[in-house]
PDB file of N, CA and C in Angstrom:
ATOM      1  N   MET A   1     235.715 249.212 325.814  1.00  0.00           N
ATOM      2  CA  MET A   1     234.842 250.335 325.520  1.00  0.00           C
ATOM      3  C   MET A   1     234.897 251.315 326.698  1.00  0.00           C
ATOM      4  N   ASN A   2     235.246 252.528 326.432  1.00  0.00           N
ATOM      5  CA  ASN A   2     235.203 253.597 327.426  1.00  0.00           C
ATOM      6  C   ASN A   2     234.182 254.613 326.965  1.00  0.00           C
ATOM      7  N   VAL A   3     233.233 254.921 327.830  1.00  0.00           N
ATOM      8  CA  VAL A   3     232.180 255.864 327.485  1.00  0.00           C
ATOM      9  C   VAL A   3     232.091 256.909 328.589  1.00  0.00           C
ATOM     10  N   LEU A   4     232.084 258.158 328.217  1.00  0.00           N
ATOM     11  CA  LEU A   4     231.936 259.256 329.163  1.00  0.00           C
ATOM     12  C   LEU A   4     230.469 259.675 329.193  1.00  0.00           C
ATOM     13  N   LEU A   5     229.877 259.654 330.391  1.00  0.00           N
ATOM     14  CA  LEU A   5     228.486 260.079 330.566  1.00  0.00           C
ATOM     15  C   LEU A   5     228.452 261.363 331.376  1.00  0.00           C
ATOM     16  N   ASN A   6     227.416 262.148 331.194  1.00  0.00           N
ATOM     17  CA  ASN A   6     227.170 263.307 332.032  1.00  0.00           C
ATOM     18  C   ASN A   6     226.128 262.909 333.069  1.00  0.00           C
ATOM     19  N   ILE A   7     226.367 263.209 334.339  1.00  0.00           N
ATOM     20  CA  ILE A   7     225.459 262.804 335.421  1.00  0.00           C
ATOM     21  C   ILE A   7     224.042 263.340 335.208  1.00  0.00           C
ATOM     22  N   ASN A   8     223.901 264.451 334.475  1.00  0.00           N
ATOM     23  CA  ASN A   8     222.588 265.041 334.239  1.00  0.00           C
ATOM     24  C   ASN A   8     221.829 264.405 333.078  1.00  0.00           C
ATOM     25  N   ASP A   9     222.535 263.595 332.270  1.00  0.00           N
ATOM     26  CA  ASP A   9     221.893 262.847 331.186  1.00  0.00           C
ATOM     27  C   ASP A   9     222.745 261.618 330.909  1.00  0.00           C
ATOM     28  N   ILE A  10     222.367 260.495 331.488  1.00  0.00           N
ATOM     29  CA  ILE A  10     223.165 259.281 331.412  1.00  0.00           C
ATOM     30  C   ILE A  10     222.947 258.524 330.096  1.00  0.00           C
ATOM     31  N   GLY A  11     222.127 259.068 329.201  1.00  0.00           N
ATOM     32  CA  GLY A  11     221.848 258.395 327.944  1.00  0.00           C
ATOM     33  C   GLY A  11     220.909 257.233 328.164  1.00  0.00           C
ATOM     34  N   GLY A  12     220.894 256.305 327.223  1.00  0.00           N
ATOM     35  CA  GLY A  12     220.016 255.151 327.355  1.00  0.00           C
ATOM     36  C   GLY A  12     218.626 255.417 326.831  1.00  0.00           C
ATOM     37  N   VAL A  13     217.695 254.615 327.311  1.00  0.00           N
ATOM     38  CA  VAL A  13     216.310 254.696 326.842  1.00  0.00           C
ATOM     39  C   VAL A  13     215.358 254.850 328.023  1.00  0.00           C
ATOM     40  N   ILE A  14     214.225 255.467 327.759  1.00  0.00           N
ATOM     41  CA  ILE A  14     213.191 255.604 328.790  1.00  0.00           C
ATOM     42  C   ILE A  14     212.570 254.230 329.024  1.00  0.00           C
ATOM     43  N   THR A  15     212.605 253.787 330.285  1.00  0.00           N
ATOM     44  CA  THR A  15     212.031 252.482 330.627  1.00  0.00           C
ATOM     45  C   THR A  15     210.714 252.610 331.386  1.00  0.00           C
ATOM     46  N   LYS A  16     210.506 253.763 332.027  1.00  0.00           N
ATOM     47  CA  LYS A  16     209.256 254.027 332.748  1.00  0.00           C
ATOM     48  C   LYS A  16     208.966 255.518 332.646  1.00  0.00           C
ATOM     49  N   GLU A  17     207.700 255.857 332.453  1.00  0.00           N
ATOM     50  CA  GLU A  17     207.302 257.267 332.418  1.00  0.00           C
ATOM     51  C   GLU A  17     205.827 257.368 332.770  1.00  0.00           C
ATOM     52  N   ASP A  18     205.513 258.188 333.771  1.00  0.00           N
ATOM     53  CA  ASP A  18     204.140 258.484 334.128  1.00  0.00           C
ATOM     54  C   ASP A  18     204.120 259.820 334.861  1.00  0.00           C
ATOM     55  N   ASP A  19     203.030 260.134 335.552  1.00  0.00           N
ATOM     56  CA  ASP A  19     202.912 261.434 336.207  1.00  0.00           C
ATOM     57  C   ASP A  19     203.881 261.593 337.379  1.00  0.00           C
ATOM     58  N   ARG A  20     204.487 260.491 337.832  1.00  0.00           N
ATOM     59  CA  ARG A  20     205.426 260.546 338.955  1.00  0.00           C
ATOM     60  C   ARG A  20     206.847 260.838 338.514  1.00  0.00           C
ATOM     61  N   TYR A  21     207.269 260.206 337.413  1.00  0.00           N
ATOM     62  CA  TYR A  21     208.689 260.258 337.071  1.00  0.00           C
ATOM     63  C   TYR A  21     208.971 259.858 335.632  1.00  0.00           C
ATOM     64  N   VAL A  22     210.242 260.112 335.249  1.00  0.00           N
ATOM     65  CA  VAL A  22     210.805 259.567 334.020  1.00  0.00           C
ATOM     66  C   VAL A  22     212.053 258.795 334.438  1.00  0.00           C
ATOM     67  N   VAL A  23     212.119 257.524 334.049  1.00  0.00           N
ATOM     68  CA  VAL A  23     213.254 256.662 334.375  1.00  0.00           C
ATOM     69  C   VAL A  23     213.942 256.273 333.071  1.00  0.00           C
ATOM     70  N   LYS A  24     215.272 256.465 333.029  1.00  0.00           N
ATOM     71  CA  LYS A  24     216.068 256.077 331.864  1.00  0.00           C
ATOM     72  C   LYS A  24     217.124 255.072 332.296  1.00  0.00           C
ATOM     73  N   ASP A  25     217.351 254.052 331.471  1.00  0.00           N
ATOM     74  CA  ASP A  25     218.389 253.054 331.728  1.00  0.00           C
ATOM     75  C   ASP A  25     219.436 253.087 330.628  1.00  0.00           C
ATOM     76  N   ASN A  26     220.699 253.105 331.049  1.00  0.00           N
ATOM     77  CA  ASN A  26     221.813 252.958 330.141  1.00  0.00           C
ATOM     78  C   ASN A  26     222.366 251.556 330.387  1.00  0.00           C
ATOM     79  N   THR A  27     222.296 250.709 329.381  1.00  0.00           N
ATOM     80  CA  THR A  27     222.690 249.303 329.532  1.00  0.00           C
ATOM     81  C   THR A  27     223.901 248.953 328.670  1.00  0.00           C
ATOM     82  N   LEU A  28     224.800 249.906 328.455  1.00  0.00           N
ATOM     83  CA  LEU A  28     225.977 249.651 327.634  1.00  0.00           C
ATOM     84  C   LEU A  28     226.951 248.663 328.274  1.00  0.00           C
ATOM     85  N   LEU A  29     226.964 248.589 329.606  1.00  0.00           N
ATOM     86  CA  LEU A  29     227.866 247.661 330.284  1.00  0.00           C
ATOM     87  C   LEU A  29     227.245 246.276 330.368  1.00  0.00           C
ATOM     88  N   LYS A  30     228.074 245.274 330.512  1.00  0.00           N
ATOM     89  CA  LYS A  30     227.606 243.893 330.546  1.00  0.00           C
ATOM     90  C   LYS A  30     226.961 243.523 331.885  1.00  0.00           C
ATOM     91  N   ASP A  31     227.540 243.974 333.007  1.00  0.00           N
ATOM     92  CA  ASP A  31     227.090 243.530 334.323  1.00  0.00           C
ATOM     93  C   ASP A  31     226.473 244.617 335.198  1.00  0.00           C
ATOM     94  N   LEU A  32     226.468 245.863 334.727  1.00  0.00           N
ATOM     95  CA  LEU A  32     225.903 246.969 335.506  1.00  0.00           C
ATOM     96  C   LEU A  32     224.935 247.781 334.652  1.00  0.00           C
ATOM     97  N   VAL A  33     223.896 248.296 335.297  1.00  0.00           N
ATOM     98  CA  VAL A  33     222.973 249.231 334.664  1.00  0.00           C
ATOM     99  C   VAL A  33     223.134 250.573 335.357  1.00  0.00           C
ATOM    100  N   VAL A  34     223.213 251.646 334.568  1.00  0.00           N
ATOM    101  CA  VAL A  34     223.208 253.002 335.102  1.00  0.00           C
ATOM    102  C   VAL A  34     221.830 253.568 334.769  1.00  0.00           C
ATOM    103  N   SER A  35     221.096 253.977 335.800  1.00  0.00           N
ATOM    104  CA  SER A  35     219.712 254.411 335.621  1.00  0.00           C
ATOM    105  C   SER A  35     219.521 255.787 336.249  1.00  0.00           C
ATOM    106  N   SER A  36     218.714 256.632 335.607  1.00  0.00           N
ATOM    107  CA  SER A  36     218.401 257.945 336.187  1.00  0.00           C
ATOM    108  C   SER A  36     216.896 258.058 336.382  1.00  0.00           C
ATOM    109  N   THR A  37     216.522 258.781 337.431  1.00  0.00           N
ATOM    110  CA  THR A  37     215.113 259.038 337.716  1.00  0.00           C
ATOM    111  C   THR A  37     214.919 260.516 337.974  1.00  0.00           C
ATOM    112  N   ASN A  38     214.028 261.132 337.224  1.00  0.00           N
ATOM    113  CA  ASN A  38     213.616 262.509 337.469  1.00  0.00           C
ATOM    114  C   ASN A  38     212.247 262.413 338.130  1.00  0.00           C
ATOM    115  N   LEU A  39     212.224 262.561 339.463  1.00  0.00           N
ATOM    116  CA  LEU A  39     211.015 262.353 340.261  1.00  0.00           C
ATOM    117  C   LEU A  39     210.337 263.703 340.514  1.00  0.00           C
ATOM    118  N   ASN A  40     209.094 263.811 340.118  1.00  0.00           N
ATOM    119  CA  ASN A  40     208.350 265.069 340.245  1.00  0.00           C
ATOM    120  C   ASN A  40     208.078 265.424 341.708  1.00  0.00           C
ATOM    121  N   PRO A  41     207.859 266.728 341.988  1.00  0.00           N
ATOM    122  CA  PRO A  41     207.620 267.184 343.362  1.00  0.00           C
ATOM    123  C   PRO A  41     206.498 266.414 344.052  1.00  0.00           C
ATOM    124  N   MET A  42     206.779 266.028 345.296  1.00  0.00           N
ATOM    125  CA  MET A  42     205.827 265.373 346.186  1.00  0.00           C
ATOM    126  C   MET A  42     205.322 264.027 345.654  1.00  0.00           C
ATOM    127  N   LYS A  43     206.079 263.406 344.775  1.00  0.00           N
ATOM    128  CA  LYS A  43     205.748 262.081 344.239  1.00  0.00           C
ATOM    129  C   LYS A  43     206.722 261.057 344.812  1.00  0.00           C
ATOM    130  N   SER A  44     206.395 259.779 344.674  1.00  0.00           N
ATOM    131  CA  SER A  44     207.227 258.696 345.186  1.00  0.00           C
ATOM    132  C   SER A  44     207.447 257.646 344.113  1.00  0.00           C
ATOM    133  N   THR A  45     208.596 256.991 344.193  1.00  0.00           N
ATOM    134  CA  THR A  45     208.842 255.863 343.318  1.00  0.00           C
ATOM    135  C   THR A  45     208.051 254.660 343.837  1.00  0.00           C
ATOM    136  N   THR A  46     207.954 253.648 343.004  1.00  0.00           N
ATOM    137  CA  THR A  46     207.366 252.389 343.432  1.00  0.00           C
ATOM    138  C   THR A  46     208.382 251.696 344.324  1.00  0.00           C
ATOM    139  N   GLY A  47     208.016 251.368 345.531  1.00  0.00           N
ATOM    140  CA  GLY A  47     208.936 250.683 346.424  1.00  0.00           C
ATOM    141  C   GLY A  47     209.155 249.256 345.982  1.00  0.00           C
ATOM    142  N   HIS A  48     210.376 248.787 346.176  1.00  0.00           N
ATOM    143  CA  HIS A  48     210.698 247.417 345.788  1.00  0.00           C
ATOM    144  C   HIS A  48     211.972 246.963 346.481  1.00  0.00           C
ATOM    145  N   LYS A  49     212.269 245.692 346.344  1.00  0.00           N
ATOM    146  CA  LYS A  49     213.540 245.143 346.815  1.00  0.00           C
ATOM    147  C   LYS A  49     213.980 244.083 345.824  1.00  0.00           C
ATOM    148  N   HIS A  50     215.254 243.773 345.852  1.00  0.00           N
ATOM    149  CA  HIS A  50     215.822 242.818 344.915  1.00  0.00           C
ATOM    150  C   HIS A  50     216.557 241.728 345.678  1.00  0.00           C
ATOM    151  N   LYS A  51     216.331 240.512 345.340  1.00  0.00           N
ATOM    152  CA  LYS A  51     217.113 239.411 345.898  1.00  0.00           C
ATOM    153  C   LYS A  51     218.357 239.248 345.030  1.00  0.00           C
ATOM    154  N   GLY A  52     219.510 239.285 345.666  1.00  0.00           N
ATOM    155  CA  GLY A  52     220.755 239.105 344.940  1.00  0.00           C
ATOM    156  C   GLY A  52     221.236 240.314 344.177  1.00  0.00           C
ATOM    157  N   GLN A  53     220.756 241.523 344.531  1.00  0.00           N
ATOM    158  CA  GLN A  53     221.145 242.716 343.790  1.00  0.00           C
ATOM    159  C   GLN A  53     221.349 243.888 344.738  1.00  0.00           C
ATOM    160  N   GLU A  54     222.534 244.469 344.700  1.00  0.00           N
ATOM    161  CA  GLU A  54     222.825 245.680 345.458  1.00  0.00           C
ATOM    162  C   GLU A  54     222.665 246.885 344.540  1.00  0.00           C
ATOM    163  N   GLU A  55     222.478 248.074 345.148  1.00  0.00           N
ATOM    164  CA  GLU A  55     222.339 249.306 344.374  1.00  0.00           C
ATOM    165  C   GLU A  55     223.047 250.445 345.079  1.00  0.00           C
ATOM    166  N   VAL A  56     223.429 251.447 344.284  1.00  0.00           N
ATOM    167  CA  VAL A  56     223.971 252.692 344.810  1.00  0.00           C
ATOM    168  C   VAL A  56     223.165 253.822 344.192  1.00  0.00           C
ATOM    169  N   TYR A  57     222.629 254.723 345.039  1.00  0.00           N
ATOM    170  CA  TYR A  57     221.870 255.883 344.578  1.00  0.00           C
ATOM    171  C   TYR A  57     222.704 257.139 344.813  1.00  0.00           C
ATOM    172  N   PHE A  58     222.822 257.976 343.762  1.00  0.00           N
ATOM    173  CA  PHE A  58     223.518 259.254 343.828  1.00  0.00           C
ATOM    174  C   PHE A  58     222.479 260.355 343.618  1.00  0.00           C
ATOM    175  N   PHE A  59     222.247 261.184 344.628  1.00  0.00           N
ATOM    176  CA  PHE A  59     221.261 262.266 344.523  1.00  0.00           C
ATOM    177  C   PHE A  59     221.948 263.502 343.953  1.00  0.00           C
ATOM    178  N   VAL A  60     221.450 263.964 342.802  1.00  0.00           N
ATOM    179  CA  VAL A  60     222.101 265.018 342.031  1.00  0.00           C
ATOM    180  C   VAL A  60     221.415 266.368 342.216  1.00  0.00           C
ATOM    181  N   LYS A  61     220.087 266.391 342.193  1.00  0.00           N
ATOM    182  CA  LYS A  61     219.322 267.642 342.316  1.00  0.00           C
ATOM    183  C   LYS A  61     218.127 267.416 343.231  1.00  0.00           C
ATOM    184  N   GLY A  62     217.715 268.479 343.921  1.00  0.00           N
ATOM    185  CA  GLY A  62     216.530 268.421 344.755  1.00  0.00           C
ATOM    186  C   GLY A  62     216.764 267.698 346.063  1.00  0.00           C
ATOM    187  N   SER A  63     215.653 267.326 346.702  1.00  0.00           N
ATOM    188  CA  SER A  63     215.738 266.656 347.999  1.00  0.00           C
ATOM    189  C   SER A  63     214.482 265.828 348.234  1.00  0.00           C
ATOM    190  N   GLY A  64     214.536 265.050 349.301  1.00  0.00           N
ATOM    191  CA  GLY A  64     213.401 264.219 349.665  1.00  0.00           C
ATOM    192  C   GLY A  64     213.766 263.275 350.781  1.00  0.00           C
ATOM    193  N   LYS A  65     213.111 262.133 350.790  1.00  0.00           N
ATOM    194  CA  LYS A  65     213.378 261.102 351.795  1.00  0.00           C
ATOM    195  C   LYS A  65     213.566 259.775 351.073  1.00  0.00           C
ATOM    196  N   MET A  66     214.428 258.955 351.634  1.00  0.00           N
ATOM    197  CA  MET A  66     214.620 257.607 351.112  1.00  0.00           C
ATOM    198  C   MET A  66     214.163 256.638 352.179  1.00  0.00           C
ATOM    199  N   GLU A  67     213.266 255.764 351.802  1.00  0.00           N
ATOM    200  CA  GLU A  67     212.749 254.732 352.692  1.00  0.00           C
ATOM    201  C   GLU A  67     213.600 253.482 352.498  1.00  0.00           C
ATOM    202  N   LEU A  68     214.145 252.970 353.585  1.00  0.00           N
ATOM    203  CA  LEU A  68     214.976 251.767 353.570  1.00  0.00           C
ATOM    204  C   LEU A  68     214.447 250.815 354.629  1.00  0.00           C
ATOM    205  N   ASP A  69     213.794 249.740 354.190  1.00  0.00           N
ATOM    206  CA  ASP A  69     213.089 248.845 355.097  1.00  0.00           C
ATOM    207  C   ASP A  69     212.159 249.673 355.989  1.00  0.00           C
ATOM    208  N   ASN A  70     212.361 249.687 357.291  1.00  0.00           N
ATOM    209  CA  ASN A  70     211.436 250.376 358.199  1.00  0.00           C
ATOM    210  C   ASN A  70     211.930 251.731 358.674  1.00  0.00           C
ATOM    211  N   ARG A  71     212.832 252.358 357.935  1.00  0.00           N
ATOM    212  CA  ARG A  71     213.317 253.682 358.359  1.00  0.00           C
ATOM    213  C   ARG A  71     213.379 254.618 357.164  1.00  0.00           C
ATOM    214  N   GLU A  72     213.371 255.920 357.458  1.00  0.00           N
ATOM    215  CA  GLU A  72     213.489 256.948 356.427  1.00  0.00           C
ATOM    216  C   GLU A  72     214.679 257.829 356.745  1.00  0.00           C
ATOM    217  N   ILE A  73     215.403 258.219 355.683  1.00  0.00           N
ATOM    218  CA  ILE A  73     216.500 259.164 355.847  1.00  0.00           C
ATOM    219  C   ILE A  73     216.287 260.324 354.896  1.00  0.00           C
ATOM    220  N   ASN A  74     216.682 261.520 355.308  1.00  0.00           N
ATOM    221  CA  ASN A  74     216.633 262.687 354.436  1.00  0.00           C
ATOM    222  C   ASN A  74     217.754 262.590 353.419  1.00  0.00           C
ATOM    223  N   VAL A  75     217.451 262.929 352.166  1.00  0.00           N
ATOM    224  CA  VAL A  75     218.454 262.915 351.107  1.00  0.00           C
ATOM    225  C   VAL A  75     218.389 264.216 350.325  1.00  0.00           C
ATOM    226  N   GLY A  76     219.540 264.611 349.806  1.00  0.00           N
ATOM    227  CA  GLY A  76     219.620 265.826 349.009  1.00  0.00           C
ATOM    228  C   GLY A  76     220.830 265.786 348.100  1.00  0.00           C
ATOM    229  N   GLU A  77     221.029 266.879 347.385  1.00  0.00           N
ATOM    230  CA  GLU A  77     222.123 266.985 346.425  1.00  0.00           C
ATOM    231  C   GLU A  77     223.449 266.561 347.046  1.00  0.00           C
ATOM    232  N   GLY A  78     224.140 265.670 346.373  1.00  0.00           N
ATOM    233  CA  GLY A  78     225.446 265.212 346.828  1.00  0.00           C
ATOM    234  C   GLY A  78     225.415 263.969 347.702  1.00  0.00           C
ATOM    235  N   ASP A  79     224.239 263.545 348.140  1.00  0.00           N
ATOM    236  CA  ASP A  79     224.155 262.351 348.993  1.00  0.00           C
ATOM    237  C   ASP A  79     224.253 261.080 348.153  1.00  0.00           C
ATOM    238  N   THR A  80     224.859 260.060 348.738  1.00  0.00           N
ATOM    239  CA  THR A  80     224.970 258.743 348.130  1.00  0.00           C
ATOM    240  C   THR A  80     224.436 257.724 349.131  1.00  0.00           C
ATOM    241  N   VAL A  81     223.567 256.834 348.663  1.00  0.00           N
ATOM    242  CA  VAL A  81     222.966 255.823 349.527  1.00  0.00           C
ATOM    243  C   VAL A  81     223.348 254.441 348.982  1.00  0.00           C
ATOM    244  N   LEU A  82     223.917 253.623 349.860  1.00  0.00           N
ATOM    245  CA  LEU A  82     224.264 252.245 349.509  1.00  0.00           C
ATOM    246  C   LEU A  82     223.127 251.337 349.958  1.00  0.00           C
ATOM    247  N   ILE A  83     222.597 250.547 349.050  1.00  0.00           N
ATOM    248  CA  ILE A  83     221.457 249.680 349.350  1.00  0.00           C
ATOM    249  C   ILE A  83     221.909 248.236 349.260  1.00  0.00           C
ATOM    250  N   GLU A  84     221.817 247.552 350.376  1.00  0.00           N
ATOM    251  CA  GLU A  84     222.241 246.155 350.437  1.00  0.00           C
ATOM    252  C   GLU A  84     221.214 245.238 349.786  1.00  0.00           C
ATOM    253  N   ASP A  85     221.674 244.076 349.431  1.00  0.00           N
ATOM    254  CA  ASP A  85     220.859 243.017 348.858  1.00  0.00           C
ATOM    255  C   ASP A  85     219.618 242.769 349.726  1.00  0.00           C
ATOM    256  N   GLY A  86     218.438 242.806 349.104  1.00  0.00           N
ATOM    257  CA  GLY A  86     217.199 242.465 349.794  1.00  0.00           C
ATOM    258  C   GLY A  86     216.556 243.557 350.614  1.00  0.00           C
ATOM    259  N   VAL A  87     217.117 244.777 350.632  1.00  0.00           N
ATOM    260  CA  VAL A  87     216.545 245.875 351.409  1.00  0.00           C
ATOM    261  C   VAL A  87     215.471 246.581 350.577  1.00  0.00           C
ATOM    262  N   PHE A  88     214.264 246.706 351.142  1.00  0.00           N
ATOM    263  CA  PHE A  88     213.180 247.450 350.499  1.00  0.00           C
ATOM    264  C   PHE A  88     213.589 248.916 350.412  1.00  0.00           C
ATOM    265  N   HIS A  89     213.351 249.551 349.257  1.00  0.00           N
ATOM    266  CA  HIS A  89     213.704 250.960 349.109  1.00  0.00           C
ATOM    267  C   HIS A  89     212.705 251.693 348.214  1.00  0.00           C
ATOM    268  N   ARG A  90     212.525 252.973 348.572  1.00  0.00           N
ATOM    269  CA  ARG A  90     211.609 253.864 347.852  1.00  0.00           C
ATOM    270  C   ARG A  90     212.068 255.288 348.105  1.00  0.00           C
ATOM    271  N   VAL A  91     211.896 256.156 347.097  1.00  0.00           N
ATOM    272  CA  VAL A  91     212.261 257.567 347.226  1.00  0.00           C
ATOM    273  C   VAL A  91     211.001 258.405 347.206  1.00  0.00           C
ATOM    274  N   HIS A  92     210.914 259.368 348.131  1.00  0.00           N
ATOM    275  CA  HIS A  92     209.816 260.332 348.216  1.00  0.00           C
ATOM    276  C   HIS A  92     210.406 261.712 347.958  1.00  0.00           C
ATOM    277  N   ALA A  93     209.991 262.362 346.892  1.00  0.00           N
ATOM    278  CA  ALA A  93     210.535 263.679 346.537  1.00  0.00           C
ATOM    279  C   ALA A  93     209.953 264.767 347.418  1.00  0.00           C
ATOM    280  N   GLY A  94     210.757 265.787 347.659  1.00  0.00           N
ATOM    281  CA  GLY A  94     210.309 266.974 348.381  1.00  0.00           C
ATOM    282  C   GLY A  94     209.573 267.933 347.451  1.00  0.00           C
ATOM    283  N   SER A  95     209.396 269.155 347.895  1.00  0.00           N
ATOM    284  CA  SER A  95     208.582 270.138 347.169  1.00  0.00           C
ATOM    285  C   SER A  95     209.176 270.577 345.835  1.00  0.00           C
ATOM    286  N   GLU A  96     210.485 270.409 345.647  1.00  0.00           N
ATOM    287  CA  GLU A  96     211.086 270.773 344.358  1.00  0.00           C
ATOM    288  C   GLU A  96     211.384 269.554 343.484  1.00  0.00           C
ATOM    289  N   GLY A  97     211.001 268.370 343.940  1.00  0.00           N
ATOM    290  CA  GLY A  97     211.297 267.152 343.209  1.00  0.00           C
ATOM    291  C   GLY A  97     212.736 266.731 343.439  1.00  0.00           C
ATOM    292  N   CYS A  98     213.166 265.682 342.770  1.00  0.00           N
ATOM    293  CA  CYS A  98     214.568 265.286 342.860  1.00  0.00           C
ATOM    294  C   CYS A  98     214.969 264.460 341.649  1.00  0.00           C
ATOM    295  N   TYR A  99     216.252 264.514 341.377  1.00  0.00           N
ATOM    296  CA  TYR A  99     216.849 263.756 340.283  1.00  0.00           C
ATOM    297  C   TYR A  99     217.977 262.937 340.877  1.00  0.00           C
ATOM    298  N   PHE A 100     217.962 261.639 340.605  1.00  0.00           N
ATOM    299  CA  PHE A 100     219.019 260.780 341.127  1.00  0.00           C
ATOM    300  C   PHE A 100     219.422 259.750 340.075  1.00  0.00           C
ATOM    301  N   VAL A 101     220.645 259.285 340.230  1.00  0.00           N
ATOM    302  CA  VAL A 101     221.196 258.257 339.355  1.00  0.00           C
ATOM    303  C   VAL A 101     221.501 257.057 340.225  1.00  0.00           C
ATOM    304  N   CYS A 102     221.151 255.879 339.755  1.00  0.00           N
ATOM    305  CA  CYS A 102     221.500 254.674 340.504  1.00  0.00           C
ATOM    306  C   CYS A 102     222.252 253.711 339.600  1.00  0.00           C
ATOM    307  N   VAL A 103     223.071 252.906 340.232  1.00  0.00           N
ATOM    308  CA  VAL A 103     223.831 251.874 339.540  1.00  0.00           C
ATOM    309  C   VAL A 103     223.505 250.560 340.218  1.00  0.00           C
ATOM    310  N   PHE A 104     223.157 249.557 339.410  1.00  0.00           N
ATOM    311  CA  PHE A 104     222.873 248.243 339.983  1.00  0.00           C
ATOM    312  C   PHE A 104     223.436 247.142 339.100  1.00  0.00           C
ATOM    313  N   GLN A 105     223.706 246.031 339.724  1.00  0.00           N
ATOM    314  CA  GLN A 105     224.287 244.899 339.022  1.00  0.00           C
ATOM    315  C   GLN A 105     223.200 244.067 338.368  1.00  0.00           C
ATOM    316  N   GLY A 106     223.534 243.437 337.270  1.00  0.00           N
ATOM    317  CA  GLY A 106     222.577 242.568 336.596  1.00  0.00           C
ATOM    318  C   GLY A 106     221.642 243.332 335.687  1.00  0.00           C
ATOM    319  N   LYS A 107     220.426 242.897 335.628  1.00  0.00           N
ATOM    320  CA  LYS A 107     219.397 243.495 334.768  1.00  0.00           C
ATOM    321  C   LYS A 107     218.279 244.038 335.639  1.00  0.00           C
ATOM    322  N   ARG A 108     217.457 244.919 335.073  1.00  0.00           N
ATOM    323  CA  ARG A 108     216.305 245.457 335.807  1.00  0.00           C
ATOM    324  C   ARG A 108     215.352 244.320 336.135  1.00  0.00           C
ATOM    325  N   THR A 109     214.960 244.235 337.423  1.00  0.00           N
ATOM    326  CA  THR A 109     214.058 243.163 337.843  1.00  0.00           C
ATOM    327  C   THR A 109     212.672 243.675 338.168  1.00  0.00           C
ATOM    328  N   VAL A 110     212.485 244.995 338.214  1.00  0.00           N
ATOM    329  CA  VAL A 110     211.178 245.569 338.514  1.00  0.00           C
ATOM    330  C   VAL A 110     210.829 246.559 337.439  1.00  0.00           C
TER     331      VAL A 110
END
């Protein structure tokens, strides 16, 4: 199966939605999930970590900060963040919000 996705709409279904964000998961692959988050201005995702699961975040629009364990890094359009197994992570959107796509192995655990 070969499927072409657009980074601005990865397809799938809405898995989380509230005043902070809209999260969509595309689960067409067997071992990877492609997920998008449209994070509203000055809002933050729920911080979490995964045992046995790595992630890659691709920042497509907007800017903010990414919290990784005990440090924060600035993120913006075009940035890619590699998250190792077991690292706590959370995204804090800037004044214009941000949209990012992440890819992770396995199934959603949070």
